[in-house]
Amino acid sequence: MHKGFTLWFTGLSGAGKSTLSERIHRRLLDAGARVELLDGDEVRTHLSKGLGFSREDRDTNVRRIGFVAELLSRNGVIAITAAISPYRDTREEVRRRIGSFVEIFMDCPIEVLAERDVKGLYKKALAGEIPHFTGVSDPYEPPLQPDLHVDSSSEDIAVSEERVWNLLKRMDLIPVSW
């Protein structure tokens, strides 16, 4: 039916990782795929509770997500992750460990993210009120060669969904008939 693999969405908070990953998750379920969605916020609540936002804790969080994704993937399940995963070397470590790994970079300028942010976190971070905020006062290292680069500030979500879907077909990870 399909192979197990990991579809890894990375990008800043508010860039559209959860929105696009949920659409792909739903579409795969509707096609009859064995698929699980590991959303960064849920993982922090259930798997990484107690971790802070130091580099070490962020890396631990990403490695835990990667470990679960690896287990799922090698057992024929499509693992979709949606997590900021700010450090390039840690993402690459997870990619090497999993093997069948597709990286989607959700890109969006800080100015647009700040406009979208209903909680006002970016405005607070930009004003120095929130320490260690990824992309503002803490680094985010974008992928150098993602499998797909999505500019969520200018691309319609339906177009992004089709681009991801077509990439998975081209990579022979899902049946062309889907």
N, C-alpha and C. Protein backbone atom coordinates (compact mmCIF):
# COMPACT_ATOMS: atom_id res chain seq x y z
N MET A 1 0.82 -1.20 0.00
CA MET A 1 0.00 0.00 0.00
C MET A 1 0.87 1.26 0.00
N HIS A 2 1.69 1.41 1.03
CA HIS A 2 2.63 2.54 1.10
C HIS A 2 3.79 2.15 2.01
N LYS A 3 4.84 2.90 1.89
CA LYS A 3 6.02 2.68 2.71
C LYS A 3 5.93 3.52 3.97
N GLY A 4 6.64 3.11 4.99
CA GLY A 4 6.78 3.95 6.16
C GLY A 4 7.84 5.00 5.89
N PHE A 5 7.57 6.23 6.28
CA PHE A 5 8.52 7.32 6.14
C PHE A 5 8.13 8.42 7.11
N THR A 6 9.02 9.39 7.24
CA THR A 6 8.74 10.55 8.10
C THR A 6 8.66 11.79 7.25
N LEU A 7 7.59 12.53 7.45
CA LEU A 7 7.37 13.82 6.79
C LEU A 7 7.54 14.88 7.88
N TRP A 8 8.65 15.63 7.80
CA TRP A 8 9.06 16.54 8.88
C TRP A 8 8.84 17.98 8.46
N PHE A 9 7.87 18.65 9.11
CA PHE A 9 7.60 20.06 8.86
C PHE A 9 8.39 20.88 9.88
N THR A 10 9.21 21.81 9.40
CA THR A 10 9.99 22.68 10.26
C THR A 10 9.76 24.13 9.85
N GLY A 11 9.91 25.04 10.79
CA GLY A 11 9.74 26.46 10.53
C GLY A 11 9.39 27.16 11.83
N LEU A 12 9.34 28.46 11.75
CA LEU A 12 9.05 29.27 12.94
C LEU A 12 7.62 29.09 13.41
N SER A 13 7.38 29.48 14.64
CA SER A 13 6.03 29.46 15.20
C SER A 13 5.10 30.32 14.34
N GLY A 14 3.97 29.75 13.97
CA GLY A 14 3.00 30.50 13.17
C GLY A 14 3.20 30.42 11.67
N ALA A 15 4.22 29.67 11.21
CA ALA A 15 4.52 29.60 9.79
C ALA A 15 3.58 28.68 9.01
N GLY A 16 2.76 27.90 9.72
CA GLY A 16 1.79 27.05 9.04
C GLY A 16 2.09 25.56 9.11
N LYS A 17 3.04 25.16 9.94
CA LYS A 17 3.40 23.74 10.06
C LYS A 17 2.20 22.89 10.46
N SER A 18 1.52 23.28 11.52
CA SER A 18 0.38 22.49 12.01
C SER A 18 -0.75 22.47 10.99
N THR A 19 -1.05 23.61 10.41
CA THR A 19 -2.15 23.70 9.45
C THR A 19 -1.91 22.79 8.26
N LEU A 20 -0.74 22.87 7.66
CA LEU A 20 -0.45 22.06 6.47
C LEU A 20 -0.31 20.58 6.85
N SER A 21 0.34 20.28 7.96
CA SER A 21 0.51 18.88 8.35
C SER A 21 -0.84 18.23 8.65
N GLU A 22 -1.76 18.98 9.25
CA GLU A 22 -3.10 18.44 9.52
C GLU A 22 -3.85 18.14 8.23
N ARG A 23 -3.69 18.98 7.22
CA ARG A 23 -4.35 18.75 5.93
C ARG A 23 -3.78 17.50 5.25
N ILE A 24 -2.46 17.35 5.30
CA ILE A 24 -1.83 16.17 4.70
C ILE A 24 -2.22 14.91 5.49
N HIS A 25 -2.24 15.02 6.80
CA HIS A 25 -2.66 13.91 7.66
C HIS A 25 -4.06 13.45 7.29
N ARG A 26 -4.98 14.38 7.19
CA ARG A 26 -6.37 14.06 6.86
C ARG A 26 -6.45 13.38 5.48
N ARG A 27 -5.72 13.93 4.53
CA ARG A 27 -5.75 13.39 3.17
C ARG A 27 -5.19 11.97 3.13
N LEU A 28 -4.13 11.72 3.87
CA LEU A 28 -3.57 10.37 3.94
C LEU A 28 -4.53 9.40 4.61
N LEU A 29 -5.17 9.84 5.70
CA LEU A 29 -6.17 9.00 6.36
C LEU A 29 -7.31 8.66 5.40
N ASP A 30 -7.78 9.67 4.68
CA ASP A 30 -8.87 9.46 3.72
C ASP A 30 -8.49 8.48 2.62
N ALA A 31 -7.19 8.42 2.29
CA ALA A 31 -6.70 7.50 1.27
C ALA A 31 -6.49 6.09 1.83
N GLY A 32 -6.65 5.93 3.14
CA GLY A 32 -6.48 4.63 3.76
C GLY A 32 -5.09 4.35 4.29
N ALA A 33 -4.26 5.38 4.39
CA ALA A 33 -2.89 5.20 4.86
C ALA A 33 -2.85 4.97 6.37
N ARG A 34 -1.79 4.30 6.78
CA ARG A 34 -1.45 4.20 8.21
C ARG A 34 -0.58 5.40 8.50
N VAL A 35 -1.08 6.33 9.28
CA VAL A 35 -0.40 7.60 9.48
C VAL A 35 -0.65 8.13 10.88
N GLU A 36 0.37 8.76 11.45
CA GLU A 36 0.25 9.42 12.76
C GLU A 36 0.83 10.81 12.65
N LEU A 37 0.22 11.75 13.35
CA LEU A 37 0.68 13.13 13.38
C LEU A 37 1.26 13.44 14.75
N LEU A 38 2.51 13.87 14.76
CA LEU A 38 3.20 14.26 16.00
C LEU A 38 3.35 15.77 15.97
N ASP A 39 2.43 16.48 16.58
CA ASP A 39 2.48 17.94 16.60
C ASP A 39 3.36 18.39 17.76
N GLY A 40 4.21 19.37 17.49
CA GLY A 40 5.17 19.84 18.48
C GLY A 40 4.56 20.25 19.80
N ASP A 41 3.42 20.95 19.75
CA ASP A 41 2.78 21.39 20.99
C ASP A 41 2.28 20.19 21.81
N GLU A 42 1.69 19.21 21.14
CA GLU A 42 1.20 18.03 21.85
C GLU A 42 2.35 17.20 22.41
N VAL A 43 3.43 17.08 21.64
CA VAL A 43 4.60 16.32 22.10
C VAL A 43 5.18 16.98 23.34
N ARG A 44 5.26 18.31 23.34
CA ARG A 44 5.78 19.01 24.52
C ARG A 44 4.92 18.74 25.74
N THR A 45 3.63 18.59 25.56
CA THR A 45 2.72 18.33 26.67
C THR A 45 2.84 16.90 27.18
N HIS A 46 2.95 15.93 26.27
CA HIS A 46 2.86 14.53 26.66
C HIS A 46 4.19 13.78 26.71
N LEU A 47 5.13 14.12 25.85
CA LEU A 47 6.37 13.37 25.75
C LEU A 47 7.57 14.14 26.31
N SER A 48 7.49 15.44 26.25
CA SER A 48 8.63 16.27 26.65
C SER A 48 8.28 17.24 27.77
N LYS A 49 7.28 16.90 28.55
CA LYS A 49 6.88 17.76 29.67
C LYS A 49 8.08 17.96 30.60
N GLY A 50 8.27 19.18 31.02
CA GLY A 50 9.37 19.48 31.93
C GLY A 50 10.60 20.02 31.24
N LEU A 51 10.66 19.87 29.92
CA LEU A 51 11.80 20.44 29.19
C LEU A 51 11.60 21.95 29.05
N GLY A 52 12.70 22.66 29.12
CA GLY A 52 12.65 24.11 28.92
C GLY A 52 12.99 24.47 27.49
N PHE A 53 13.60 25.63 27.31
CA PHE A 53 13.90 26.12 25.97
C PHE A 53 15.38 26.41 25.77
N SER A 54 16.22 25.76 26.56
CA SER A 54 17.66 25.84 26.32
C SER A 54 17.95 25.04 25.05
N ARG A 55 19.12 25.24 24.50
CA ARG A 55 19.50 24.46 23.31
C ARG A 55 19.44 22.97 23.61
N GLU A 56 19.97 22.58 24.75
CA GLU A 56 19.97 21.15 25.12
C GLU A 56 18.55 20.59 25.21
N ASP A 57 17.65 21.33 25.84
CA ASP A 57 16.26 20.86 25.97
C ASP A 57 15.55 20.83 24.62
N ARG A 58 15.80 21.83 23.78
CA ARG A 58 15.18 21.82 22.44
C ARG A 58 15.69 20.63 21.63
N ASP A 59 16.99 20.36 21.72
CA ASP A 59 17.55 19.21 21.00
C ASP A 59 16.97 17.90 21.53
N THR A 60 16.81 17.79 22.84
CA THR A 60 16.21 16.60 23.44
C THR A 60 14.79 16.41 22.92
N ASN A 61 14.03 17.48 22.85
CA ASN A 61 12.66 17.42 22.34
C ASN A 61 12.64 16.90 20.90
N VAL A 62 13.50 17.45 20.05
CA VAL A 62 13.55 17.04 18.65
C VAL A 62 14.00 15.58 18.54
N ARG A 63 14.96 15.19 19.33
CA ARG A 63 15.41 13.78 19.30
C ARG A 63 14.30 12.83 19.74
N ARG A 64 13.51 13.23 20.73
CA ARG A 64 12.38 12.39 21.17
C ARG A 64 11.34 12.26 20.06
N ILE A 65 11.02 13.37 19.41
CA ILE A 65 10.08 13.33 18.29
C ILE A 65 10.65 12.42 17.20
N GLY A 66 11.93 12.59 16.92
CA GLY A 66 12.58 11.77 15.91
C GLY A 66 12.57 10.29 16.25
N PHE A 67 12.76 9.96 17.52
CA PHE A 67 12.75 8.56 17.96
C PHE A 67 11.39 7.94 17.70
N VAL A 68 10.32 8.64 18.07
CA VAL A 68 8.97 8.12 17.85
C VAL A 68 8.70 8.00 16.35
N ALA A 69 9.09 9.02 15.59
CA ALA A 69 8.89 8.98 14.13
C ALA A 69 9.65 7.81 13.51
N GLU A 70 10.85 7.55 13.99
CA GLU A 70 11.64 6.42 13.49
C GLU A 70 10.94 5.09 13.76
N LEU A 71 10.42 4.92 14.98
CA LEU A 71 9.71 3.69 15.32
C LEU A 71 8.50 3.48 14.40
N LEU A 72 7.75 4.55 14.23
CA LEU A 72 6.57 4.46 13.36
C LEU A 72 6.97 4.13 11.93
N SER A 73 7.94 4.87 11.40
CA SER A 73 8.35 4.71 10.00
C SER A 73 8.85 3.31 9.70
N ARG A 74 9.68 2.78 10.57
CA ARG A 74 10.23 1.45 10.28
C ARG A 74 9.20 0.34 10.42
N ASN A 75 8.03 0.68 10.97
CA ASN A 75 6.94 -0.28 11.08
C ASN A 75 5.82 0.01 10.08
N GLY A 76 6.18 0.71 9.00
CA GLY A 76 5.24 0.91 7.90
C GLY A 76 4.24 2.03 8.08
N VAL A 77 4.43 2.86 9.08
CA VAL A 77 3.52 3.98 9.33
C VAL A 77 4.15 5.26 8.81
N ILE A 78 3.32 6.12 8.25
CA ILE A 78 3.78 7.45 7.86
C ILE A 78 3.73 8.32 9.10
N ALA A 79 4.86 8.83 9.52
CA ALA A 79 4.95 9.72 10.69
C ALA A 79 5.08 11.15 10.18
N ILE A 80 4.12 11.98 10.56
CA ILE A 80 4.17 13.39 10.19
C ILE A 80 4.52 14.17 11.45
N THR A 81 5.55 15.00 11.37
CA THR A 81 5.91 15.83 12.51
C THR A 81 5.75 17.30 12.13
N ALA A 82 5.30 18.08 13.08
CA ALA A 82 5.19 19.53 12.91
C ALA A 82 5.80 20.16 14.15
N ALA A 83 7.07 20.52 14.04
CA ALA A 83 7.79 21.06 15.20
C ALA A 83 8.80 22.09 14.71
N ILE A 84 8.97 23.15 15.46
CA ILE A 84 9.92 24.20 15.06
C ILE A 84 11.27 23.58 14.74
N SER A 85 11.78 22.72 15.59
CA SER A 85 13.08 22.06 15.43
C SER A 85 14.12 23.03 14.89
N PRO A 86 14.57 23.95 15.74
CA PRO A 86 15.34 25.11 15.28
C PRO A 86 16.76 24.85 14.81
N TYR A 87 17.37 23.75 15.23
CA TYR A 87 18.79 23.58 14.94
C TYR A 87 19.03 22.57 13.82
N ARG A 88 19.70 23.02 12.80
CA ARG A 88 19.97 22.25 11.59
C ARG A 88 20.67 20.92 11.89
N ASP A 89 21.70 20.97 12.73
CA ASP A 89 22.46 19.73 12.98
C ASP A 89 21.62 18.67 13.67
N THR A 90 20.70 19.07 14.51
CA THR A 90 19.83 18.10 15.19
C THR A 90 18.82 17.50 14.20
N ARG A 91 18.27 18.35 13.32
CA ARG A 91 17.38 17.82 12.29
C ARG A 91 18.13 16.85 11.38
N GLU A 92 19.37 17.18 11.03
CA GLU A 92 20.16 16.30 10.17
C GLU A 92 20.48 14.98 10.87
N GLU A 93 20.74 15.04 12.17
CA GLU A 93 20.98 13.83 12.96
C GLU A 93 19.75 12.91 12.89
N VAL A 94 18.58 13.51 13.06
CA VAL A 94 17.34 12.74 13.01
C VAL A 94 17.12 12.17 11.60
N ARG A 95 17.40 12.97 10.59
CA ARG A 95 17.26 12.51 9.20
C ARG A 95 18.14 11.28 8.95
N ARG A 96 19.39 11.34 9.39
CA ARG A 96 20.30 10.21 9.20
C ARG A 96 19.80 8.96 9.91
N ARG A 97 19.25 9.14 11.11
CA ARG A 97 18.79 8.00 11.89
C ARG A 97 17.56 7.36 11.26
N ILE A 98 16.65 8.17 10.76
CA ILE A 98 15.40 7.65 10.21
C ILE A 98 15.60 7.09 8.81
N GLY A 99 16.35 7.77 7.99
CA GLY A 99 16.57 7.31 6.62
C GLY A 99 15.54 7.84 5.66
N SER A 100 14.33 7.30 5.70
CA SER A 100 13.27 7.74 4.79
C SER A 100 12.61 8.97 5.41
N PHE A 101 13.13 10.14 5.05
CA PHE A 101 12.83 11.40 5.74
C PHE A 101 12.61 12.48 4.70
N VAL A 102 11.48 13.15 4.77
CA VAL A 102 11.15 14.23 3.84
C VAL A 102 11.01 15.51 4.68
N GLU A 103 11.82 16.51 4.34
CA GLU A 103 11.82 17.76 5.11
C GLU A 103 11.10 18.86 4.34
N ILE A 104 10.09 19.43 4.99
CA ILE A 104 9.33 20.54 4.42
C ILE A 104 9.63 21.78 5.26
N PHE A 105 10.19 22.79 4.62
CA PHE A 105 10.52 24.04 5.31
C PHE A 105 9.38 25.04 5.09
N MET A 106 8.69 25.35 6.18
CA MET A 106 7.63 26.35 6.16
C MET A 106 8.27 27.70 6.48
N ASP A 107 8.37 28.53 5.47
CA ASP A 107 9.08 29.80 5.55
C ASP A 107 8.07 30.95 5.59
N CYS A 108 8.35 31.92 6.44
CA CYS A 108 7.48 33.09 6.54
C CYS A 108 8.26 34.20 7.26
N PRO A 109 8.26 35.41 6.72
CA PRO A 109 8.98 36.50 7.38
C PRO A 109 8.41 36.83 8.76
N ILE A 110 9.30 37.25 9.64
CA ILE A 110 8.91 37.62 11.02
C ILE A 110 7.78 38.66 11.02
N GLU A 111 7.86 39.63 10.13
CA GLU A 111 6.84 40.69 10.09
C GLU A 111 5.45 40.10 9.86
N VAL A 112 5.36 39.13 8.96
CA VAL A 112 4.07 38.49 8.67
C VAL A 112 3.64 37.63 9.85
N LEU A 113 4.57 36.92 10.45
CA LEU A 113 4.26 36.10 11.62
C LEU A 113 3.73 36.96 12.75
N ALA A 114 4.33 38.12 12.95
CA ALA A 114 3.88 39.04 14.00
C ALA A 114 2.47 39.54 13.73
N GLU A 115 2.16 39.79 12.46
CA GLU A 115 0.80 40.23 12.10
C GLU A 115 -0.23 39.14 12.34
N ARG A 116 0.13 37.89 12.06
CA ARG A 116 -0.77 36.75 12.21
C ARG A 116 -0.99 36.36 13.67
N ASP A 117 -0.05 36.69 14.52
CA ASP A 117 0.03 36.19 15.89
C ASP A 117 -1.07 36.77 16.78
N VAL A 118 -2.14 36.00 16.99
CA VAL A 118 -3.25 36.46 17.80
C VAL A 118 -2.90 36.59 19.28
N LYS A 119 -1.89 35.84 19.74
CA LYS A 119 -1.48 35.91 21.14
C LYS A 119 -0.50 37.05 21.41
N GLY A 120 0.02 37.66 20.36
CA GLY A 120 0.95 38.77 20.52
C GLY A 120 2.34 38.36 20.99
N LEU A 121 2.70 37.10 20.82
CA LEU A 121 4.00 36.61 21.31
C LEU A 121 5.16 37.23 20.55
N TYR A 122 5.03 37.38 19.24
CA TYR A 122 6.12 37.97 18.46
C TYR A 122 6.35 39.43 18.87
N LYS A 123 5.28 40.17 19.06
CA LYS A 123 5.43 41.58 19.46
C LYS A 123 6.13 41.67 20.82
N LYS A 124 5.75 40.78 21.73
CA LYS A 124 6.41 40.76 23.05
C LYS A 124 7.88 40.36 22.92
N ALA A 125 8.14 39.35 22.09
CA ALA A 125 9.52 38.89 21.90
C ALA A 125 10.37 39.98 21.26
N LEU A 126 9.80 40.65 20.26
CA LEU A 126 10.53 41.73 19.58
C LEU A 126 10.79 42.91 20.52
N ALA A 127 9.92 43.07 21.51
CA ALA A 127 10.09 44.13 22.50
C ALA A 127 11.01 43.70 23.65
N GLY A 128 11.49 42.45 23.59
CA GLY A 128 12.40 41.96 24.62
C GLY A 128 11.71 41.43 25.85
N GLU A 129 10.39 41.23 25.78
CA GLU A 129 9.63 40.78 26.94
C GLU A 129 9.63 39.26 27.09
N ILE A 130 9.94 38.53 26.02
CA ILE A 130 9.99 37.07 26.08
C ILE A 130 11.41 36.64 25.71
N PRO A 131 12.14 36.07 26.66
CA PRO A 131 13.50 35.61 26.35
C PRO A 131 13.45 34.28 25.60
N HIS A 132 14.49 34.00 24.86
CA HIS A 132 14.66 32.72 24.17
C HIS A 132 13.51 32.38 23.23
N PHE A 133 13.07 33.38 22.47
CA PHE A 133 11.99 33.16 21.51
C PHE A 133 12.61 32.86 20.15
N THR A 134 12.35 31.67 19.64
CA THR A 134 12.97 31.21 18.40
C THR A 134 12.66 32.15 17.24
N GLY A 135 13.73 32.54 16.56
CA GLY A 135 13.61 33.43 15.41
C GLY A 135 13.76 34.89 15.76
N VAL A 136 13.67 35.19 17.06
CA VAL A 136 13.81 36.59 17.52
C VAL A 136 15.05 36.69 18.40
N SER A 137 15.00 36.10 19.59
CA SER A 137 16.13 36.18 20.52
C SER A 137 16.88 34.85 20.64
N ASP A 138 16.38 33.82 19.97
CA ASP A 138 17.06 32.53 19.86
C ASP A 138 17.11 32.18 18.39
N PRO A 139 18.14 31.45 17.98
CA PRO A 139 18.29 31.18 16.54
C PRO A 139 17.28 30.18 15.99
N TYR A 140 17.00 30.34 14.71
CA TYR A 140 16.35 29.31 13.91
C TYR A 140 17.24 29.15 12.69
N GLU A 141 17.69 27.93 12.46
CA GLU A 141 18.58 27.64 11.34
C GLU A 141 17.77 26.95 10.25
N PRO A 142 17.42 27.69 9.20
CA PRO A 142 16.61 27.07 8.14
C PRO A 142 17.39 25.96 7.44
N PRO A 143 16.66 24.98 6.92
CA PRO A 143 17.34 23.91 6.18
C PRO A 143 18.06 24.47 4.96
N LEU A 144 19.21 23.89 4.65
CA LEU A 144 19.97 24.33 3.48
C LEU A 144 19.39 23.74 2.19
N GLN A 145 18.90 22.51 2.28
CA GLN A 145 18.33 21.84 1.11
C GLN A 145 17.10 21.04 1.52
N PRO A 146 16.01 21.73 1.88
CA PRO A 146 14.80 20.98 2.21
C PRO A 146 14.26 20.28 0.97
N ASP A 147 13.50 19.25 1.19
CA ASP A 147 12.87 18.57 0.06
C ASP A 147 11.81 19.45 -0.58
N LEU A 148 11.23 20.34 0.21
CA LEU A 148 10.26 21.30 -0.31
C LEU A 148 10.32 22.56 0.54
N HIS A 149 10.33 23.71 -0.12
CA HIS A 149 10.35 25.02 0.53
C HIS A 149 8.99 25.67 0.26
N VAL A 150 8.24 25.93 1.31
CA VAL A 150 6.92 26.55 1.20
C VAL A 150 6.98 27.94 1.80
N ASP A 151 6.66 28.96 1.02
CA ASP A 151 6.57 30.32 1.53
C ASP A 151 5.11 30.56 1.90
N SER A 152 4.81 30.39 3.17
CA SER A 152 3.41 30.48 3.61
C SER A 152 2.89 31.91 3.66
N SER A 153 3.78 32.89 3.43
CA SER A 153 3.31 34.27 3.40
C SER A 153 2.69 34.61 2.05
N SER A 154 3.02 33.84 1.02
CA SER A 154 2.51 34.16 -0.32
C SER A 154 1.79 33.01 -1.01
N GLU A 155 1.93 31.80 -0.49
CA GLU A 155 1.34 30.64 -1.17
C GLU A 155 0.06 30.21 -0.47
N ASP A 156 -0.98 30.00 -1.24
CA ASP A 156 -2.26 29.52 -0.71
C ASP A 156 -2.07 28.11 -0.13
N ILE A 157 -2.75 27.83 0.98
CA ILE A 157 -2.60 26.55 1.67
C ILE A 157 -2.98 25.38 0.76
N ALA A 158 -3.97 25.54 -0.09
CA ALA A 158 -4.37 24.46 -1.01
C ALA A 158 -3.25 24.16 -2.01
N VAL A 159 -2.55 25.19 -2.46
CA VAL A 159 -1.42 25.02 -3.38
C VAL A 159 -0.29 24.29 -2.66
N SER A 160 -0.02 24.70 -1.42
CA SER A 160 1.03 24.04 -0.63
C SER A 160 0.71 22.57 -0.42
N GLU A 161 -0.54 22.28 -0.12
CA GLU A 161 -0.97 20.89 0.09
C GLU A 161 -0.71 20.07 -1.18
N GLU A 162 -1.07 20.60 -2.32
CA GLU A 162 -0.86 19.88 -3.58
C GLU A 162 0.63 19.67 -3.86
N ARG A 163 1.44 20.67 -3.53
CA ARG A 163 2.89 20.53 -3.75
C ARG A 163 3.47 19.42 -2.88
N VAL A 164 3.04 19.34 -1.62
CA VAL A 164 3.51 18.26 -0.74
C VAL A 164 3.03 16.92 -1.28
N TRP A 165 1.78 16.84 -1.62
CA TRP A 165 1.19 15.59 -2.12
C TRP A 165 1.93 15.10 -3.37
N ASN A 166 2.16 16.01 -4.30
CA ASN A 166 2.87 15.65 -5.54
C ASN A 166 4.32 15.25 -5.28
N LEU A 167 4.96 15.90 -4.31
CA LEU A 167 6.33 15.52 -3.93
C LEU A 167 6.36 14.08 -3.43
N LEU A 168 5.41 13.72 -2.58
CA LEU A 168 5.37 12.36 -2.04
C LEU A 168 5.17 11.33 -3.15
N LYS A 169 4.37 11.67 -4.14
CA LYS A 169 4.19 10.77 -5.29
C LYS A 169 5.48 10.66 -6.10
N ARG A 170 6.12 11.81 -6.39
CA ARG A 170 7.37 11.80 -7.16
C ARG A 170 8.47 11.01 -6.46
N MET A 171 8.47 11.06 -5.15
CA MET A 171 9.48 10.32 -4.36
C MET A 171 9.10 8.86 -4.19
N ASP A 172 7.96 8.46 -4.77
CA ASP A 172 7.47 7.10 -4.70
C ASP A 172 7.21 6.65 -3.27
N LEU A 173 6.71 7.57 -2.45
CA LEU A 173 6.39 7.25 -1.06
C LEU A 173 4.91 6.94 -0.87
N ILE A 174 4.08 7.45 -1.77
CA ILE A 174 2.65 7.09 -1.77
C ILE A 174 2.29 6.70 -3.20
N PRO A 175 1.25 5.88 -3.34
CA PRO A 175 0.85 5.46 -4.68
C PRO A 175 0.45 6.64 -5.58
N VAL A 176 0.83 6.54 -6.82
CA VAL A 176 0.48 7.59 -7.80
C VAL A 176 -1.04 7.70 -7.94
N SER A 177 -1.74 6.59 -7.69
CA SER A 177 -3.21 6.58 -7.85
C SER A 177 -3.93 7.39 -6.76
N TRP A 178 -3.22 7.78 -5.71
CA TRP A 178 -3.86 8.56 -4.64
C TRP A 178 -4.07 9.97 -5.08
